[in-house]
Amino acid sequence: TIRDELGIDDGETTEDGLFSLKCVACLG
């Protein structure tokens, strides 16, 4: 859903610099 909505994948940032995505092992 995030990929489709923002057009980015893990480790990437949107062209407008608004969002970055990082997949993490656990948030607890």
mmCIF file of all heavy atoms, coordinates in Angstrom:
data_MODEL
# 
_entry.id   MODEL 
# 
loop_
_atom_site.group_PDB 
_atom_site.id 
_atom_site.type_symbol 
_atom_site.label_atom_id 
_atom_site.label_alt_id 
_atom_site.label_comp_id 
_atom_site.label_asym_id 
_atom_site.label_entity_id 
_atom_site.label_seq_id 
_atom_site.pdbx_PDB_ins_code 
_atom_site.Cartn_x 
_atom_site.Cartn_y 
_atom_site.Cartn_z 
_atom_site.occupancy 
_atom_site.B_iso_or_equiv 
_atom_site.pdbx_formal_charge 
_atom_site.auth_seq_id 
_atom_site.auth_comp_id 
_atom_site.auth_asym_id 
_atom_site.auth_atom_id 
_atom_site.pdbx_PDB_model_num 
ATOM 1   N N   . THR A 1 1  ? 0.837  -1.205 0.000  1.00 0.00 ? 1  THR A N   1 
ATOM 2   C CA  . THR A 1 1  ? 0.000  0.000  0.000  1.00 0.00 ? 1  THR A CA  1 
ATOM 3   C C   . THR A 1 1  ? 0.870  1.254  0.000  1.00 0.00 ? 1  THR A C   1 
ATOM 4   O O   . THR A 1 1  ? 0.612  2.205  -0.741 1.00 0.00 ? 1  THR A O   1 
ATOM 5   C CB  . THR A 1 1  ? -0.939 0.000  1.232  1.00 0.00 ? 1  THR A CB  1 
ATOM 6   O OG1 . THR A 1 1  ? -1.767 -1.164 1.181  1.00 0.00 ? 1  THR A OG1 1 
ATOM 7   C CG2 . THR A 1 1  ? -1.803 1.243  1.272  1.00 0.00 ? 1  THR A CG2 1 
ATOM 8   N N   . ILE A 1 2  ? 1.932  1.254  0.822  1.00 0.00 ? 2  ILE A N   1 
ATOM 9   C CA  . ILE A 1 2  ? 2.850  2.393  0.868  1.00 0.00 ? 2  ILE A CA  1 
ATOM 10  C C   . ILE A 1 2  ? 3.548  2.555  -0.479 1.00 0.00 ? 2  ILE A C   1 
ATOM 11  O O   . ILE A 1 2  ? 3.657  3.663  -1.003 1.00 0.00 ? 2  ILE A O   1 
ATOM 12  C CB  . ILE A 1 2  ? 3.869  2.227  2.010  1.00 0.00 ? 2  ILE A CB  1 
ATOM 13  C CG1 . ILE A 1 2  ? 3.153  2.281  3.367  1.00 0.00 ? 2  ILE A CG1 1 
ATOM 14  C CG2 . ILE A 1 2  ? 4.966  3.299  1.930  1.00 0.00 ? 2  ILE A CG2 1 
ATOM 15  C CD1 . ILE A 1 2  ? 4.012  1.878  4.553  1.00 0.00 ? 2  ILE A CD1 1 
ATOM 16  N N   . ARG A 1 3  ? 3.989  1.436  -1.051 1.00 0.00 ? 3  ARG A N   1 
ATOM 17  C CA  . ARG A 1 3  ? 4.630  1.488  -2.379 1.00 0.00 ? 3  ARG A CA  1 
ATOM 18  C C   . ARG A 1 3  ? 3.687  2.112  -3.404 1.00 0.00 ? 3  ARG A C   1 
ATOM 19  O O   . ARG A 1 3  ? 4.082  2.979  -4.187 1.00 0.00 ? 3  ARG A O   1 
ATOM 20  C CB  . ARG A 1 3  ? 4.994  0.085  -2.845 1.00 0.00 ? 3  ARG A CB  1 
ATOM 21  C CG  . ARG A 1 3  ? 6.181  -0.529 -2.177 1.00 0.00 ? 3  ARG A CG  1 
ATOM 22  C CD  . ARG A 1 3  ? 6.364  -1.957 -2.691 1.00 0.00 ? 3  ARG A CD  1 
ATOM 23  N NE  . ARG A 1 3  ? 7.482  -2.628 -2.099 1.00 0.00 ? 3  ARG A NE  1 
ATOM 24  C CZ  . ARG A 1 3  ? 7.488  -3.918 -1.762 1.00 0.00 ? 3  ARG A CZ  1 
ATOM 25  N NH1 . ARG A 1 3  ? 6.406  -4.673 -1.979 1.00 0.00 ? 3  ARG A NH1 1 
ATOM 26  N NH2 . ARG A 1 3  ? 8.552  -4.465 -1.228 1.00 0.00 ? 3  ARG A NH2 1 
ATOM 27  N N   . ASP A 1 4  ? 2.447  1.645  -3.416 1.00 0.00 ? 4  ASP A N   1 
ATOM 28  C CA  . ASP A 1 4  ? 1.460  2.133  -4.385 1.00 0.00 ? 4  ASP A CA  1 
ATOM 29  C C   . ASP A 1 4  ? 1.124  3.609  -4.152 1.00 0.00 ? 4  ASP A C   1 
ATOM 30  O O   . ASP A 1 4  ? 0.994  4.380  -5.106 1.00 0.00 ? 4  ASP A O   1 
ATOM 31  C CB  . ASP A 1 4  ? 0.174  1.306  -4.320 1.00 0.00 ? 4  ASP A CB  1 
ATOM 32  C CG  . ASP A 1 4  ? 0.358  -0.131 -4.772 1.00 0.00 ? 4  ASP A CG  1 
ATOM 33  O OD1 . ASP A 1 4  ? 1.396  -0.441 -5.400 1.00 0.00 ? 4  ASP A OD1 1 
ATOM 34  O OD2 . ASP A 1 4  ? -0.532 -0.958 -4.475 1.00 0.00 ? 4  ASP A OD2 1 
ATOM 35  N N   . GLU A 1 5  ? 0.977  3.986  -2.901 1.00 0.00 ? 5  GLU A N   1 
ATOM 36  C CA  . GLU A 1 5  ? 0.554  5.346  -2.552 1.00 0.00 ? 5  GLU A CA  1 
ATOM 37  C C   . GLU A 1 5  ? 1.673  6.376  -2.765 1.00 0.00 ? 5  GLU A C   1 
ATOM 38  O O   . GLU A 1 5  ? 1.420  7.482  -3.224 1.00 0.00 ? 5  GLU A O   1 
ATOM 39  C CB  . GLU A 1 5  ? 0.077  5.372  -1.095 1.00 0.00 ? 5  GLU A CB  1 
ATOM 40  C CG  . GLU A 1 5  ? -0.605 6.640  -0.676 1.00 0.00 ? 5  GLU A CG  1 
ATOM 41  C CD  . GLU A 1 5  ? -1.961 6.881  -1.323 1.00 0.00 ? 5  GLU A CD  1 
ATOM 42  O OE1 . GLU A 1 5  ? -2.599 5.942  -1.844 1.00 0.00 ? 5  GLU A OE1 1 
ATOM 43  O OE2 . GLU A 1 5  ? -2.382 8.048  -1.315 1.00 0.00 ? 5  GLU A OE2 1 
ATOM 44  N N   . LEU A 1 6  ? 2.907  6.001  -2.413 1.00 0.00 ? 6  LEU A N   1 
ATOM 45  C CA  . LEU A 1 6  ? 4.011  6.967  -2.444 1.00 0.00 ? 6  LEU A CA  1 
ATOM 46  C C   . LEU A 1 6  ? 4.991  6.754  -3.592 1.00 0.00 ? 6  LEU A C   1 
ATOM 47  O O   . LEU A 1 6  ? 5.801  7.630  -3.881 1.00 0.00 ? 6  LEU A O   1 
ATOM 48  C CB  . LEU A 1 6  ? 4.779  6.937  -1.113 1.00 0.00 ? 6  LEU A CB  1 
ATOM 49  C CG  . LEU A 1 6  ? 3.979  7.272  0.140  1.00 0.00 ? 6  LEU A CG  1 
ATOM 50  C CD1 . LEU A 1 6  ? 4.856  7.163  1.370  1.00 0.00 ? 6  LEU A CD1 1 
ATOM 51  C CD2 . LEU A 1 6  ? 3.346  8.663  0.037  1.00 0.00 ? 6  LEU A CD2 1 
ATOM 52  N N   . GLY A 1 7  ? 4.971  5.572  -4.199 1.00 0.00 ? 7  GLY A N   1 
ATOM 53  C CA  . GLY A 1 7  ? 5.888  5.288  -5.285 1.00 0.00 ? 7  GLY A CA  1 
ATOM 54  C C   . GLY A 1 7  ? 7.327  5.075  -4.836 1.00 0.00 ? 7  GLY A C   1 
ATOM 55  O O   . GLY A 1 7  ? 8.255  5.336  -5.597 1.00 0.00 ? 7  GLY A O   1 
ATOM 56  N N   . ILE A 1 8  ? 7.497  4.642  -3.585 1.00 0.00 ? 8  ILE A N   1 
ATOM 57  C CA  . ILE A 1 8  ? 8.849  4.372  -3.073 1.00 0.00 ? 8  ILE A CA  1 
ATOM 58  C C   . ILE A 1 8  ? 8.893  2.978  -2.462 1.00 0.00 ? 8  ILE A C   1 
ATOM 59  O O   . ILE A 1 8  ? 7.859  2.396  -2.133 1.00 0.00 ? 8  ILE A O   1 
ATOM 60  C CB  . ILE A 1 8  ? 9.313  5.401  -2.021 1.00 0.00 ? 8  ILE A CB  1 
ATOM 61  C CG1 . ILE A 1 8  ? 8.356  5.463  -0.819 1.00 0.00 ? 8  ILE A CG1 1 
ATOM 62  C CG2 . ILE A 1 8  ? 9.508  6.763  -2.660 1.00 0.00 ? 8  ILE A CG2 1 
ATOM 63  C CD1 . ILE A 1 8  ? 8.839  6.325  0.337  1.00 0.00 ? 8  ILE A CD1 1 
ATOM 64  N N   . ASP A 1 9  ? 10.104 2.475  -2.312 1.00 0.00 ? 9  ASP A N   1 
ATOM 65  C CA  . ASP A 1 9  ? 10.336 1.177  -1.685 1.00 0.00 ? 9  ASP A CA  1 
ATOM 66  C C   . ASP A 1 9  ? 11.245 1.384  -0.480 1.00 0.00 ? 9  ASP A C   1 
ATOM 67  O O   . ASP A 1 9  ? 11.709 2.501  -0.223 1.00 0.00 ? 9  ASP A O   1 
ATOM 68  C CB  . ASP A 1 9  ? 10.966 0.214  -2.700 1.00 0.00 ? 9  ASP A CB  1 
ATOM 69  C CG  . ASP A 1 9  ? 10.607 -1.242 -2.417 1.00 0.00 ? 9  ASP A CG  1 
ATOM 70  O OD1 . ASP A 1 9  ? 10.241 -1.565 -1.266 1.00 0.00 ? 9  ASP A OD1 1 
ATOM 71  O OD2 . ASP A 1 9  ? 10.693 -2.048 -3.348 1.00 0.00 ? 9  ASP A OD2 1 
ATOM 72  N N   . ASP A 1 10 ? 11.523 0.315  0.216  1.00 0.00 ? 10 ASP A N   1 
ATOM 73  C CA  . ASP A 1 10 ? 12.381 0.351  1.391  1.00 0.00 ? 10 ASP A CA  1 
ATOM 74  C C   . ASP A 1 10 ? 13.693 1.067  1.075  1.00 0.00 ? 10 ASP A C   1 
ATOM 75  O O   . ASP A 1 10 ? 14.352 0.765  0.082  1.00 0.00 ? 10 ASP A O   1 
ATOM 76  C CB  . ASP A 1 10 ? 12.653 -1.084 1.867  1.00 0.00 ? 10 ASP A CB  1 
ATOM 77  C CG  . ASP A 1 10 ? 13.448 -1.132 3.149  1.00 0.00 ? 10 ASP A CG  1 
ATOM 78  O OD1 . ASP A 1 10 ? 13.409 -0.159 3.931  1.00 0.00 ? 10 ASP A OD1 1 
ATOM 79  O OD2 . ASP A 1 10 ? 14.105 -2.155 3.393  1.00 0.00 ? 10 ASP A OD2 1 
ATOM 80  N N   . GLY A 1 11 ? 14.043 2.044  1.910  1.00 0.00 ? 11 GLY A N   1 
ATOM 81  C CA  . GLY A 1 11 ? 15.292 2.778  1.745  1.00 0.00 ? 11 GLY A CA  1 
ATOM 82  C C   . GLY A 1 11 ? 15.206 3.968  0.806  1.00 0.00 ? 11 GLY A C   1 
ATOM 83  O O   . GLY A 1 11 ? 16.195 4.656  0.594  1.00 0.00 ? 11 GLY A O   1 
ATOM 84  N N   . GLU A 1 12 ? 14.033 4.247  0.273  1.00 0.00 ? 12 GLU A N   1 
ATOM 85  C CA  . GLU A 1 12 ? 13.884 5.331  -0.698 1.00 0.00 ? 12 GLU A CA  1 
ATOM 86  C C   . GLU A 1 12 ? 13.121 6.516  -0.101 1.00 0.00 ? 12 GLU A C   1 
ATOM 87  O O   . GLU A 1 12 ? 12.439 6.389  0.915  1.00 0.00 ? 12 GLU A O   1 
ATOM 88  C CB  . GLU A 1 12 ? 13.169 4.840  -1.951 1.00 0.00 ? 12 GLU A CB  1 
ATOM 89  C CG  . GLU A 1 12 ? 13.940 3.774  -2.708 1.00 0.00 ? 12 GLU A CG  1 
ATOM 90  C CD  . GLU A 1 12 ? 13.210 3.252  -3.932 1.00 0.00 ? 12 GLU A CD  1 
ATOM 91  O OE1 . GLU A 1 12 ? 11.996 3.486  -4.100 1.00 0.00 ? 12 GLU A OE1 1 
ATOM 92  O OE2 . GLU A 1 12 ? 13.888 2.599  -4.749 1.00 0.00 ? 12 GLU A OE2 1 
ATOM 93  N N   . THR A 1 13 ? 13.235 7.650  -0.786 1.00 0.00 ? 13 THR A N   1 
ATOM 94  C CA  . THR A 1 13 ? 12.563 8.888  -0.392 1.00 0.00 ? 13 THR A CA  1 
ATOM 95  C C   . THR A 1 13 ? 11.776 9.392  -1.593 1.00 0.00 ? 13 THR A C   1 
ATOM 96  O O   . THR A 1 13 ? 12.252 9.310  -2.725 1.00 0.00 ? 13 THR A O   1 
ATOM 97  C CB  . THR A 1 13 ? 13.601 9.949  0.053  1.00 0.00 ? 13 THR A CB  1 
ATOM 98  O OG1 . THR A 1 13 ? 14.321 9.433  1.180  1.00 0.00 ? 13 THR A OG1 1 
ATOM 99  C CG2 . THR A 1 13 ? 12.944 11.257 0.449  1.00 0.00 ? 13 THR A CG2 1 
ATOM 100 N N   . THR A 1 14 ? 10.594 9.925  -1.326 1.00 0.00 ? 14 THR A N   1 
ATOM 101 C CA  . THR A 1 14 ? 9.782  10.476 -2.409 1.00 0.00 ? 14 THR A CA  1 
ATOM 102 C C   . THR A 1 14 ? 10.501 11.644 -3.059 1.00 0.00 ? 14 THR A C   1 
ATOM 103 O O   . THR A 1 14 ? 11.312 12.323 -2.418 1.00 0.00 ? 14 THR A O   1 
ATOM 104 C CB  . THR A 1 14 ? 8.394  10.940 -1.897 1.00 0.00 ? 14 THR A CB  1 
ATOM 105 O OG1 . THR A 1 14 ? 8.581  11.884 -0.832 1.00 0.00 ? 14 THR A OG1 1 
ATOM 106 C CG2 . THR A 1 14 ? 7.547  9.776  -1.425 1.00 0.00 ? 14 THR A CG2 1 
ATOM 107 N N   . GLU A 1 15 ? 10.208 11.885 -4.321 1.00 0.00 ? 15 GLU A N   1 
ATOM 108 C CA  . GLU A 1 15 ? 10.878 12.957 -5.077 1.00 0.00 ? 15 GLU A CA  1 
ATOM 109 C C   . GLU A 1 15 ? 10.694 14.316 -4.430 1.00 0.00 ? 15 GLU A C   1 
ATOM 110 O O   . GLU A 1 15 ? 11.578 15.174 -4.506 1.00 0.00 ? 15 GLU A O   1 
ATOM 111 C CB  . GLU A 1 15 ? 10.374 12.988 -6.523 1.00 0.00 ? 15 GLU A CB  1 
ATOM 112 C CG  . GLU A 1 15 ? 10.942 11.869 -7.357 1.00 0.00 ? 15 GLU A CG  1 
ATOM 113 C CD  . GLU A 1 15 ? 10.563 11.990 -8.829 1.00 0.00 ? 15 GLU A CD  1 
ATOM 114 O OE1 . GLU A 1 15 ? 10.286 13.125 -9.287 1.00 0.00 ? 15 GLU A OE1 1 
ATOM 115 O OE2 . GLU A 1 15 ? 10.568 10.959 -9.512 1.00 0.00 ? 15 GLU A OE2 1 
ATOM 116 N N   . ASP A 1 16 ? 9.550  14.527 -3.763 1.00 0.00 ? 16 ASP A N   1 
ATOM 117 C CA  . ASP A 1 16 ? 9.304  15.824 -3.120 1.00 0.00 ? 16 ASP A CA  1 
ATOM 118 C C   . ASP A 1 16 ? 9.997  15.939 -1.764 1.00 0.00 ? 16 ASP A C   1 
ATOM 119 O O   . ASP A 1 16 ? 9.913  16.973 -1.098 1.00 0.00 ? 16 ASP A O   1 
ATOM 120 C CB  . ASP A 1 16 ? 7.804  16.090 -2.983 1.00 0.00 ? 16 ASP A CB  1 
ATOM 121 C CG  . ASP A 1 16 ? 7.079  15.057 -2.117 1.00 0.00 ? 16 ASP A CG  1 
ATOM 122 O OD1 . ASP A 1 16 ? 7.729  14.181 -1.508 1.00 0.00 ? 16 ASP A OD1 1 
ATOM 123 O OD2 . ASP A 1 16 ? 5.832  15.127 -2.055 1.00 0.00 ? 16 ASP A OD2 1 
ATOM 124 N N   . GLY A 1 17 ? 10.684 14.877 -1.341 1.00 0.00 ? 17 GLY A N   1 
ATOM 125 C CA  . GLY A 1 17 ? 11.415 14.905 -0.077 1.00 0.00 ? 17 GLY A CA  1 
ATOM 126 C C   . GLY A 1 17 ? 10.530 14.828 1.152  1.00 0.00 ? 17 GLY A C   1 
ATOM 127 O O   . GLY A 1 17 ? 10.988 15.043 2.271  1.00 0.00 ? 17 GLY A O   1 
ATOM 128 N N   . LEU A 1 18 ? 9.281  14.462 0.967  1.00 0.00 ? 18 LEU A N   1 
ATOM 129 C CA  . LEU A 1 18 ? 8.343  14.447 2.086  1.00 0.00 ? 18 LEU A CA  1 
ATOM 130 C C   . LEU A 1 18 ? 8.402  13.144 2.888  1.00 0.00 ? 18 LEU A C   1 
ATOM 131 O O   . LEU A 1 18 ? 8.379  13.167 4.117  1.00 0.00 ? 18 LEU A O   1 
ATOM 132 C CB  . LEU A 1 18 ? 6.924  14.685 1.556  1.00 0.00 ? 18 LEU A CB  1 
ATOM 133 C CG  . LEU A 1 18 ? 5.895  15.201 2.543  1.00 0.00 ? 18 LEU A CG  1 
ATOM 134 C CD1 . LEU A 1 18 ? 6.363  16.474 3.235  1.00 0.00 ? 18 LEU A CD1 1 
ATOM 135 C CD2 . LEU A 1 18 ? 4.574  15.463 1.828  1.00 0.00 ? 18 LEU A CD2 1 
ATOM 136 N N   . PHE A 1 19 ? 8.490  12.002 2.193  1.00 0.00 ? 19 PHE A N   1 
ATOM 137 C CA  . PHE A 1 19 ? 8.452  10.700 2.873  1.00 0.00 ? 19 PHE A CA  1 
ATOM 138 C C   . PHE A 1 19 ? 9.680  9.856  2.562  1.00 0.00 ? 19 PHE A C   1 
ATOM 139 O O   . PHE A 1 19 ? 10.136 9.819  1.427  1.00 0.00 ? 19 PHE A O   1 
ATOM 140 C CB  . PHE A 1 19 ? 7.224  9.895  2.423  1.00 0.00 ? 19 PHE A CB  1 
ATOM 141 C CG  . PHE A 1 19 ? 5.906  10.499 2.788  1.00 0.00 ? 19 PHE A CG  1 
ATOM 142 C CD1 . PHE A 1 19 ? 5.209  11.270 1.876  1.00 0.00 ? 19 PHE A CD1 1 
ATOM 143 C CD2 . PHE A 1 19 ? 5.344  10.288 4.045  1.00 0.00 ? 19 PHE A CD2 1 
ATOM 144 C CE1 . PHE A 1 19 ? 3.979  11.826 2.196  1.00 0.00 ? 19 PHE A CE1 1 
ATOM 145 C CE2 . PHE A 1 19 ? 4.118  10.834 4.380  1.00 0.00 ? 19 PHE A CE2 1 
ATOM 146 C CZ  . PHE A 1 19 ? 3.430  11.605 3.450  1.00 0.00 ? 19 PHE A CZ  1 
ATOM 147 N N   . SER A 1 20 ? 10.169 9.165  3.590  1.00 0.00 ? 20 SER A N   1 
ATOM 148 C CA  . SER A 1 20 ? 11.183 8.119  3.425  1.00 0.00 ? 20 SER A CA  1 
ATOM 149 C C   . SER A 1 20 ? 10.638 6.865  4.068  1.00 0.00 ? 20 SER A C   1 
ATOM 150 O O   . SER A 1 20 ? 9.928  6.929  5.079  1.00 0.00 ? 20 SER A O   1 
ATOM 151 C CB  . SER A 1 20 ? 12.501 8.501  4.107  1.00 0.00 ? 20 SER A CB  1 
ATOM 152 O OG  . SER A 1 20 ? 13.113 9.576  3.461  1.00 0.00 ? 20 SER A OG  1 
ATOM 153 N N   . LEU A 1 21 ? 10.976 5.715  3.493  1.00 0.00 ? 21 LEU A N   1 
ATOM 154 C CA  . LEU A 1 21 ? 10.491 4.434  3.997  1.00 0.00 ? 21 LEU A CA  1 
ATOM 155 C C   . LEU A 1 21 ? 11.651 3.564  4.436  1.00 0.00 ? 21 LEU A C   1 
ATOM 156 O O   . LEU A 1 21 ? 12.640 3.425  3.709  1.00 0.00 ? 21 LEU A O   1 
ATOM 157 C CB  . LEU A 1 21 ? 9.695  3.708  2.912  1.00 0.00 ? 21 LEU A CB  1 
ATOM 158 C CG  . LEU A 1 21 ? 9.208  2.293  3.238  1.00 0.00 ? 21 LEU A CG  1 
ATOM 159 C CD1 . LEU A 1 21 ? 8.271  2.292  4.449  1.00 0.00 ? 21 LEU A CD1 1 
ATOM 160 C CD2 . LEU A 1 21 ? 8.523  1.684  2.021  1.00 0.00 ? 21 LEU A CD2 1 
ATOM 161 N N   . LYS A 1 22 ? 11.512 3.003  5.640  1.00 0.00 ? 22 LYS A N   1 
ATOM 162 C CA  . LYS A 1 22 ? 12.510 2.069  6.148  1.00 0.00 ? 22 LYS A CA  1 
ATOM 163 C C   . LYS A 1 22 ? 11.765 0.899  6.792  1.00 0.00 ? 22 LYS A C   1 
ATOM 164 O O   . LYS A 1 22 ? 10.983 1.088  7.714  1.00 0.00 ? 22 LYS A O   1 
ATOM 165 C CB  . LYS A 1 22 ? 13.410 2.749  7.168  1.00 0.00 ? 22 LYS A CB  1 
ATOM 166 C CG  . LYS A 1 22 ? 14.489 1.830  7.711  1.00 0.00 ? 22 LYS A CG  1 
ATOM 167 C CD  . LYS A 1 22 ? 15.532 2.621  8.455  1.00 0.00 ? 22 LYS A CD  1 
ATOM 168 C CE  . LYS A 1 22 ? 16.664 1.776  8.939  1.00 0.00 ? 22 LYS A CE  1 
ATOM 169 N NZ  . LYS A 1 22 ? 17.547 1.292  7.913  1.00 0.00 ? 22 LYS A NZ  1 
ATOM 170 N N   . CYS A 1 23 ? 12.004 -0.284 6.267  1.00 0.00 ? 23 CYS A N   1 
ATOM 171 C CA  . CYS A 1 23 ? 11.442 -1.488 6.878  1.00 0.00 ? 23 CYS A CA  1 
ATOM 172 C C   . CYS A 1 23 ? 12.370 -1.904 8.015  1.00 0.00 ? 23 CYS A C   1 
ATOM 173 O O   . CYS A 1 23 ? 13.588 -1.948 7.833  1.00 0.00 ? 23 CYS A O   1 
ATOM 174 C CB  . CYS A 1 23 ? 11.313 -2.604 5.849  1.00 0.00 ? 23 CYS A CB  1 
ATOM 175 S SG  . CYS A 1 23 ? 10.076 -2.244 4.583  1.00 0.00 ? 23 CYS A SG  1 
ATOM 176 N N   . VAL A 1 24 ? 11.806 -2.166 9.174  1.00 0.00 ? 24 VAL A N   1 
ATOM 177 C CA  . VAL A 1 24 ? 12.607 -2.504 10.355 1.00 0.00 ? 24 VAL A CA  1 
ATOM 178 C C   . VAL A 1 24 ? 12.195 -3.867 10.898 1.00 0.00 ? 24 VAL A C   1 
ATOM 179 O O   . VAL A 1 24 ? 11.078 -4.329 10.677 1.00 0.00 ? 24 VAL A O   1 
ATOM 180 C CB  . VAL A 1 24 ? 12.477 -1.428 11.454 1.00 0.00 ? 24 VAL A CB  1 
ATOM 181 C CG1 . VAL A 1 24 ? 13.023 -0.087 10.959 1.00 0.00 ? 24 VAL A CG1 1 
ATOM 182 C CG2 . VAL A 1 24 ? 11.044 -1.265 11.926 1.00 0.00 ? 24 VAL A CG2 1 
ATOM 183 N N   . ALA A 1 25 ? 13.119 -4.492 11.623 1.00 0.00 ? 25 ALA A N   1 
ATOM 184 C CA  . ALA A 1 25 ? 12.889 -5.846 12.133 1.00 0.00 ? 25 ALA A CA  1 
ATOM 185 C C   . ALA A 1 25 ? 11.785 -5.888 13.178 1.00 0.00 ? 25 ALA A C   1 
ATOM 186 O O   . ALA A 1 25 ? 10.983 -6.807 13.185 1.00 0.00 ? 25 ALA A O   1 
ATOM 187 C CB  . ALA A 1 25 ? 14.187 -6.405 12.709 1.00 0.00 ? 25 ALA A CB  1 
ATOM 188 N N   . CYS A 1 26 ? 11.719 -4.897 14.063 1.00 0.00 ? 26 CYS A N   1 
ATOM 189 C CA  . CYS A 1 26 ? 10.690 -4.909 15.105 1.00 0.00 ? 26 CYS A CA  1 
ATOM 190 C C   . CYS A 1 26 ? 10.593 -3.541 15.751 1.00 0.00 ? 26 CYS A C   1 
ATOM 191 O O   . CYS A 1 26 ? 11.616 -2.921 16.044 1.00 0.00 ? 26 CYS A O   1 
ATOM 192 C CB  . CYS A 1 26 ? 11.010 -5.959 16.166 1.00 0.00 ? 26 CYS A CB  1 
ATOM 193 S SG  . CYS A 1 26 ? 9.715  -6.125 17.416 1.00 0.00 ? 26 CYS A SG  1 
ATOM 194 N N   . LEU A 1 27 ? 9.384  -3.083 15.979 1.00 0.00 ? 27 LEU A N   1 
ATOM 195 C CA  . LEU A 1 27 ? 9.162  -1.822 16.683 1.00 0.00 ? 27 LEU A CA  1 
ATOM 196 C C   . LEU A 1 27 ? 8.752  -2.051 18.133 1.00 0.00 ? 27 LEU A C   1 
ATOM 197 O O   . LEU A 1 27 ? 8.585  -1.100 18.886 1.00 0.00 ? 27 LEU A O   1 
ATOM 198 C CB  . LEU A 1 27 ? 8.093  -0.986 15.963 1.00 0.00 ? 27 LEU A CB  1 
ATOM 199 C CG  . LEU A 1 27 ? 8.517  -0.392 14.629 1.00 0.00 ? 27 LEU A CG  1 
ATOM 200 C CD1 . LEU A 1 27 ? 7.324  0.259  13.930 1.00 0.00 ? 27 LEU A CD1 1 
ATOM 201 C CD2 . LEU A 1 27 ? 9.636  0.618  14.814 1.00 0.00 ? 27 LEU A CD2 1 
ATOM 202 N N   . GLY A 1 28 ? 8.565  -3.317 18.522 1.00 0.00 ? 28 GLY A N   1 
ATOM 203 C CA  . GLY A 1 28 ? 8.204  -3.623 19.902 1.00 0.00 ? 28 GLY A CA  1 
ATOM 204 C C   . GLY A 1 28 ? 6.763  -3.290 20.243 1.00 0.00 ? 28 GLY A C   1 
ATOM 205 O O   . GLY A 1 28 ? 6.429  -3.066 21.401 1.00 0.00 ? 28 GLY A O   1 
# 
